Amino acid sequence: MVSDSDKECCDAMRQRIIPKLIQTGKNEQVPGKRKIEKENGNKETNEERVERISHTNVSFMEFWMQCIDWNMLRLFFGLLMLFFFAVGFATLLYLMFVFSFKENLWYYYFPVSNKEEL
């Protein structure tokens, strides 16, 4: 039983372009790169490229919707919460062990004193 989303994922993995790890000659076209050409067909110079990039505006919503990798953020914060819960659980287990088997250490951590009334 393969769902439609799994099938689409497998198709996308088969059609992806994997760059070669060998150095190519100057005349060869690298499959992953695309040439930036102006309207008249000439290749774009570095100054023109810098000028084009410096005048590019990206709105906050475009950045928010297209540039942020939500799956990685979800993974990061999920693992962070898992870590905090694991540390809290280990701390509770340690305190239960101290309370049950090492009473002197428990009273060292949490001293008992007479409460003075005001």
N, C-alpha and C. Protein backbone atom coordinates (compact mmCIF):
# COMPACT_ATOMS: atom_id res chain seq x y z
N MET A 1 0.83 -1.18 0.00
CA MET A 1 0.00 0.00 0.00
C MET A 1 0.88 1.25 0.00
N VAL A 2 0.95 1.90 -1.11
CA VAL A 2 1.73 3.11 -1.25
C VAL A 2 0.77 4.25 -1.51
N SER A 3 0.87 5.30 -0.68
CA SER A 3 -0.02 6.43 -0.85
C SER A 3 0.45 7.29 -2.02
N ASP A 4 -0.40 8.21 -2.45
CA ASP A 4 -0.07 9.08 -3.58
C ASP A 4 1.10 9.99 -3.26
N SER A 5 1.17 10.49 -2.03
CA SER A 5 2.26 11.40 -1.67
C SER A 5 3.60 10.67 -1.65
N ASP A 6 3.60 9.39 -1.23
CA ASP A 6 4.84 8.62 -1.25
C ASP A 6 5.30 8.38 -2.68
N LYS A 7 4.34 8.11 -3.58
CA LYS A 7 4.69 7.87 -4.98
C LYS A 7 5.25 9.14 -5.62
N GLU A 8 4.65 10.30 -5.30
CA GLU A 8 5.15 11.57 -5.83
C GLU A 8 6.55 11.85 -5.31
N CYS A 9 6.81 11.51 -4.07
CA CYS A 9 8.12 11.72 -3.48
C CYS A 9 9.16 10.86 -4.19
N CYS A 10 8.83 9.61 -4.46
CA CYS A 10 9.76 8.71 -5.16
C CYS A 10 10.03 9.20 -6.57
N ASP A 11 8.99 9.69 -7.26
CA ASP A 11 9.18 10.22 -8.60
C ASP A 11 10.08 11.45 -8.58
N ALA A 12 9.91 12.30 -7.59
CA ALA A 12 10.74 13.49 -7.48
C ALA A 12 12.19 13.11 -7.19
N MET A 13 12.40 12.07 -6.40
CA MET A 13 13.76 11.64 -6.09
C MET A 13 14.44 11.07 -7.34
N ARG A 14 13.69 10.39 -8.21
CA ARG A 14 14.27 9.82 -9.42
C ARG A 14 14.62 10.90 -10.44
N GLN A 15 13.88 12.01 -10.44
CA GLN A 15 14.08 13.04 -11.44
C GLN A 15 15.01 14.16 -10.99
N ARG A 16 15.54 14.09 -9.80
CA ARG A 16 16.40 15.16 -9.31
C ARG A 16 17.74 15.15 -10.06
N ILE A 17 18.41 16.29 -10.06
CA ILE A 17 19.69 16.41 -10.73
C ILE A 17 20.78 16.35 -9.68
N ILE A 18 21.68 15.39 -9.81
CA ILE A 18 22.78 15.25 -8.88
C ILE A 18 24.03 15.78 -9.55
N PRO A 19 24.67 16.82 -8.98
CA PRO A 19 25.85 17.40 -9.63
C PRO A 19 27.03 16.43 -9.56
N LYS A 20 27.88 16.51 -10.59
CA LYS A 20 29.07 15.67 -10.63
C LYS A 20 30.14 16.28 -9.73
N LEU A 21 30.96 15.42 -9.16
CA LEU A 21 32.02 15.89 -8.29
C LEU A 21 33.36 15.95 -9.01
N ILE A 22 33.31 16.11 -10.32
CA ILE A 22 34.54 16.25 -11.08
C ILE A 22 34.59 17.64 -11.67
N GLN A 23 35.78 18.11 -11.96
CA GLN A 23 35.91 19.45 -12.52
C GLN A 23 35.64 19.38 -14.00
N THR A 24 34.82 20.30 -14.49
CA THR A 24 34.46 20.32 -15.90
C THR A 24 35.25 21.40 -16.61
N GLY A 25 35.38 21.26 -17.89
CA GLY A 25 36.05 22.28 -18.69
C GLY A 25 35.19 23.53 -18.79
N LYS A 26 35.79 24.60 -19.31
CA LYS A 26 35.05 25.86 -19.39
C LYS A 26 33.93 25.80 -20.43
N ASN A 27 34.07 24.98 -21.44
CA ASN A 27 33.06 24.92 -22.49
C ASN A 27 31.89 24.01 -22.15
N GLU A 28 32.08 23.13 -21.16
CA GLU A 28 31.01 22.21 -20.80
C GLU A 28 29.97 22.90 -19.92
N GLN A 29 28.74 22.54 -20.13
CA GLN A 29 27.65 23.10 -19.33
C GLN A 29 27.43 22.22 -18.11
N VAL A 30 27.46 22.80 -16.92
CA VAL A 30 27.19 22.06 -15.69
C VAL A 30 25.67 21.91 -15.59
N PRO A 31 25.15 20.69 -15.37
CA PRO A 31 23.70 20.48 -15.41
C PRO A 31 22.93 21.29 -14.38
N GLY A 32 23.47 21.51 -13.20
CA GLY A 32 22.73 22.19 -12.15
C GLY A 32 22.73 23.70 -12.29
N LYS A 33 23.66 24.25 -13.08
CA LYS A 33 23.76 25.70 -13.20
C LYS A 33 23.00 26.19 -14.43
N ARG A 34 22.50 27.38 -14.32
CA ARG A 34 21.86 27.98 -15.48
C ARG A 34 22.58 29.28 -15.79
N LYS A 35 22.66 29.60 -17.04
CA LYS A 35 23.33 30.83 -17.45
C LYS A 35 22.35 31.98 -17.35
N ILE A 36 22.85 33.09 -16.82
CA ILE A 36 22.05 34.31 -16.78
C ILE A 36 22.40 35.10 -18.03
N GLU A 37 21.42 35.34 -18.86
CA GLU A 37 21.66 36.08 -20.08
C GLU A 37 20.74 37.27 -20.14
N LYS A 38 21.25 38.34 -20.69
CA LYS A 38 20.44 39.53 -20.88
C LYS A 38 19.50 39.33 -22.07
N GLU A 39 18.68 40.34 -22.35
CA GLU A 39 17.72 40.23 -23.44
C GLU A 39 18.41 40.06 -24.79
N ASN A 40 19.58 40.69 -24.98
CA ASN A 40 20.24 40.61 -26.28
C ASN A 40 21.07 39.34 -26.44
N GLY A 41 21.12 38.47 -25.45
CA GLY A 41 21.80 37.20 -25.58
C GLY A 41 23.20 37.16 -25.01
N ASN A 42 23.75 38.30 -24.58
CA ASN A 42 25.09 38.31 -24.00
C ASN A 42 25.06 37.83 -22.56
N LYS A 43 26.20 37.30 -22.11
CA LYS A 43 26.28 36.84 -20.73
C LYS A 43 26.37 38.04 -19.80
N GLU A 44 25.76 37.93 -18.64
CA GLU A 44 25.72 39.02 -17.67
C GLU A 44 27.09 39.18 -17.01
N THR A 45 27.55 40.43 -16.85
CA THR A 45 28.84 40.68 -16.21
C THR A 45 28.66 40.70 -14.70
N ASN A 46 29.77 40.67 -13.97
CA ASN A 46 29.70 40.69 -12.50
C ASN A 46 29.08 41.98 -11.99
N GLU A 47 29.43 43.11 -12.61
CA GLU A 47 28.86 44.39 -12.15
C GLU A 47 27.35 44.43 -12.35
N GLU A 48 26.90 43.92 -13.49
CA GLU A 48 25.46 43.89 -13.76
C GLU A 48 24.75 42.94 -12.80
N ARG A 49 25.40 41.82 -12.49
CA ARG A 49 24.82 40.86 -11.55
C ARG A 49 24.70 41.48 -10.16
N VAL A 50 25.75 42.17 -9.71
CA VAL A 50 25.71 42.82 -8.40
C VAL A 50 24.64 43.90 -8.37
N GLU A 51 24.54 44.66 -9.45
CA GLU A 51 23.52 45.71 -9.54
C GLU A 51 22.11 45.10 -9.48
N ARG A 52 21.90 44.00 -10.22
CA ARG A 52 20.58 43.34 -10.23
C ARG A 52 20.24 42.80 -8.85
N ILE A 53 21.22 42.20 -8.17
CA ILE A 53 20.97 41.63 -6.85
C ILE A 53 20.72 42.73 -5.82
N SER A 54 21.45 43.84 -5.91
CA SER A 54 21.29 44.90 -4.93
C SER A 54 19.94 45.60 -5.05
N HIS A 55 19.32 45.55 -6.23
CA HIS A 55 18.00 46.18 -6.40
C HIS A 55 16.86 45.19 -6.29
N THR A 56 17.13 43.99 -5.79
CA THR A 56 16.08 42.99 -5.60
C THR A 56 15.45 43.20 -4.24
N ASN A 57 14.15 43.26 -4.20
CA ASN A 57 13.43 43.44 -2.94
C ASN A 57 12.69 42.16 -2.60
N VAL A 58 12.82 41.72 -1.35
CA VAL A 58 12.11 40.55 -0.87
C VAL A 58 11.26 41.01 0.31
N SER A 59 9.96 40.82 0.20
CA SER A 59 9.08 41.23 1.29
C SER A 59 9.16 40.23 2.43
N PHE A 60 8.67 40.63 3.58
CA PHE A 60 8.68 39.76 4.74
C PHE A 60 7.85 38.52 4.49
N MET A 61 6.70 38.66 3.84
CA MET A 61 5.83 37.51 3.59
C MET A 61 6.47 36.55 2.60
N GLU A 62 7.18 37.06 1.58
CA GLU A 62 7.88 36.17 0.66
C GLU A 62 8.96 35.38 1.39
N PHE A 63 9.71 36.07 2.25
CA PHE A 63 10.73 35.38 3.04
C PHE A 63 10.08 34.34 3.95
N TRP A 64 9.00 34.74 4.62
CA TRP A 64 8.32 33.86 5.58
C TRP A 64 7.76 32.61 4.91
N MET A 65 7.19 32.76 3.72
CA MET A 65 6.53 31.63 3.07
C MET A 65 7.47 30.79 2.20
N GLN A 66 8.53 31.39 1.63
CA GLN A 66 9.34 30.67 0.66
C GLN A 66 10.74 30.32 1.15
N CYS A 67 11.31 31.10 2.04
CA CYS A 67 12.71 30.89 2.41
C CYS A 67 12.91 30.07 3.67
N ILE A 68 11.96 30.08 4.56
CA ILE A 68 12.13 29.37 5.83
C ILE A 68 11.81 27.89 5.62
N ASP A 69 12.70 27.04 6.09
CA ASP A 69 12.51 25.60 5.98
C ASP A 69 11.73 25.12 7.20
N TRP A 70 10.43 25.01 7.05
CA TRP A 70 9.55 24.71 8.17
C TRP A 70 9.77 23.31 8.71
N ASN A 71 10.10 22.36 7.86
CA ASN A 71 10.34 20.99 8.33
C ASN A 71 11.56 20.93 9.23
N MET A 72 12.62 21.65 8.88
CA MET A 72 13.82 21.65 9.72
C MET A 72 13.56 22.38 11.04
N LEU A 73 12.79 23.46 10.99
CA LEU A 73 12.45 24.15 12.24
C LEU A 73 11.62 23.25 13.15
N ARG A 74 10.66 22.53 12.57
CA ARG A 74 9.84 21.62 13.35
C ARG A 74 10.71 20.51 13.95
N LEU A 75 11.64 19.98 13.18
CA LEU A 75 12.55 18.95 13.68
C LEU A 75 13.42 19.49 14.80
N PHE A 76 13.99 20.69 14.62
CA PHE A 76 14.86 21.28 15.64
C PHE A 76 14.11 21.50 16.95
N PHE A 77 12.96 22.15 16.89
CA PHE A 77 12.23 22.44 18.13
C PHE A 77 11.64 21.17 18.74
N GLY A 78 11.28 20.20 17.92
CA GLY A 78 10.82 18.92 18.45
C GLY A 78 11.92 18.20 19.22
N LEU A 79 13.12 18.18 18.65
CA LEU A 79 14.25 17.55 19.35
C LEU A 79 14.63 18.33 20.59
N LEU A 80 14.52 19.66 20.53
CA LEU A 80 14.81 20.48 21.72
C LEU A 80 13.83 20.17 22.84
N MET A 81 12.55 20.06 22.52
CA MET A 81 11.55 19.73 23.54
C MET A 81 11.76 18.32 24.07
N LEU A 82 12.10 17.38 23.19
CA LEU A 82 12.40 16.01 23.62
C LEU A 82 13.58 16.00 24.58
N PHE A 83 14.60 16.78 24.31
CA PHE A 83 15.75 16.88 25.20
C PHE A 83 15.33 17.42 26.57
N PHE A 84 14.54 18.49 26.59
CA PHE A 84 14.12 19.07 27.87
C PHE A 84 13.26 18.08 28.67
N PHE A 85 12.36 17.38 28.01
CA PHE A 85 11.54 16.39 28.71
C PHE A 85 12.40 15.24 29.22
N ALA A 86 13.39 14.82 28.46
CA ALA A 86 14.27 13.73 28.90
C ALA A 86 15.09 14.17 30.12
N VAL A 87 15.59 15.38 30.12
CA VAL A 87 16.35 15.88 31.28
C VAL A 87 15.44 16.00 32.49
N GLY A 88 14.23 16.49 32.32
CA GLY A 88 13.29 16.58 33.43
C GLY A 88 12.93 15.22 33.99
N PHE A 89 12.70 14.24 33.12
CA PHE A 89 12.37 12.89 33.55
C PHE A 89 13.54 12.27 34.30
N ALA A 90 14.77 12.45 33.80
CA ALA A 90 15.96 11.92 34.48
C ALA A 90 16.13 12.57 35.85
N THR A 91 15.84 13.86 35.94
CA THR A 91 15.94 14.56 37.23
C THR A 91 14.93 14.01 38.22
N LEU A 92 13.69 13.79 37.76
CA LEU A 92 12.68 13.22 38.65
C LEU A 92 13.06 11.81 39.12
N LEU A 93 13.59 11.00 38.20
CA LEU A 93 14.05 9.66 38.60
C LEU A 93 15.17 9.74 39.63
N TYR A 94 16.10 10.66 39.44
CA TYR A 94 17.19 10.83 40.38
C TYR A 94 16.67 11.26 41.76
N LEU A 95 15.75 12.22 41.77
CA LEU A 95 15.20 12.68 43.05
C LEU A 95 14.41 11.58 43.75
N MET A 96 13.68 10.76 43.00
CA MET A 96 12.96 9.64 43.61
C MET A 96 13.94 8.61 44.18
N PHE A 97 15.04 8.38 43.47
CA PHE A 97 16.06 7.46 43.98
C PHE A 97 16.69 7.99 45.26
N VAL A 98 17.02 9.28 45.28
CA VAL A 98 17.62 9.88 46.48
C VAL A 98 16.65 9.83 47.64
N PHE A 99 15.38 10.16 47.39
CA PHE A 99 14.39 10.15 48.46
C PHE A 99 14.18 8.75 49.01
N SER A 100 14.22 7.74 48.15
CA SER A 100 13.95 6.37 48.58
C SER A 100 15.14 5.71 49.25
N PHE A 101 16.34 5.91 48.74
CA PHE A 101 17.47 5.11 49.20
C PHE A 101 18.57 5.89 49.93
N LYS A 102 18.63 7.20 49.76
CA LYS A 102 19.69 7.99 50.40
C LYS A 102 19.04 9.17 51.13
N GLU A 103 18.51 8.88 52.29
CA GLU A 103 17.75 9.89 53.01
C GLU A 103 18.62 11.04 53.49
N ASN A 104 19.86 10.75 53.89
CA ASN A 104 20.75 11.82 54.34
C ASN A 104 21.04 12.81 53.21
N LEU A 105 21.23 12.31 52.00
CA LEU A 105 21.46 13.19 50.85
C LEU A 105 20.22 14.02 50.55
N TRP A 106 19.03 13.43 50.72
CA TRP A 106 17.78 14.16 50.50
C TRP A 106 17.70 15.35 51.46
N TYR A 107 18.03 15.12 52.74
CA TYR A 107 17.96 16.21 53.70
C TYR A 107 19.10 17.21 53.51
N TYR A 108 20.18 16.79 52.87
CA TYR A 108 21.23 17.74 52.53
C TYR A 108 20.74 18.67 51.42
N TYR A 109 20.05 18.10 50.42
CA TYR A 109 19.49 18.91 49.34
C TYR A 109 18.35 19.80 49.81
N PHE A 110 17.48 19.24 50.64
CA PHE A 110 16.29 19.95 51.10
C PHE A 110 16.28 19.93 52.62
N PRO A 111 17.00 20.86 53.26
CA PRO A 111 17.09 20.83 54.73
C PRO A 111 15.74 21.15 55.38
N VAL A 112 15.51 20.51 56.51
CA VAL A 112 14.29 20.71 57.28
C VAL A 112 14.65 21.65 58.43
N SER A 113 13.92 22.72 58.56
CA SER A 113 14.17 23.65 59.67
C SER A 113 12.83 24.05 60.26
N ASN A 114 12.87 24.50 61.46
CA ASN A 114 11.66 24.96 62.13
C ASN A 114 11.22 26.29 61.51
N LYS A 115 9.97 26.35 61.18
CA LYS A 115 9.45 27.58 60.59
C LYS A 115 9.09 28.54 61.72
N GLU A 116 9.55 29.74 61.58
CA GLU A 116 9.26 30.76 62.60
C GLU A 116 8.00 31.50 62.20
N GLU A 117 7.14 31.66 63.16
CA GLU A 117 5.91 32.39 62.87
C GLU A 117 6.15 33.87 63.11
N LEU A 118 5.55 34.67 62.31
CA LEU A 118 5.73 36.13 62.45
C LEU A 118 4.73 36.69 63.41
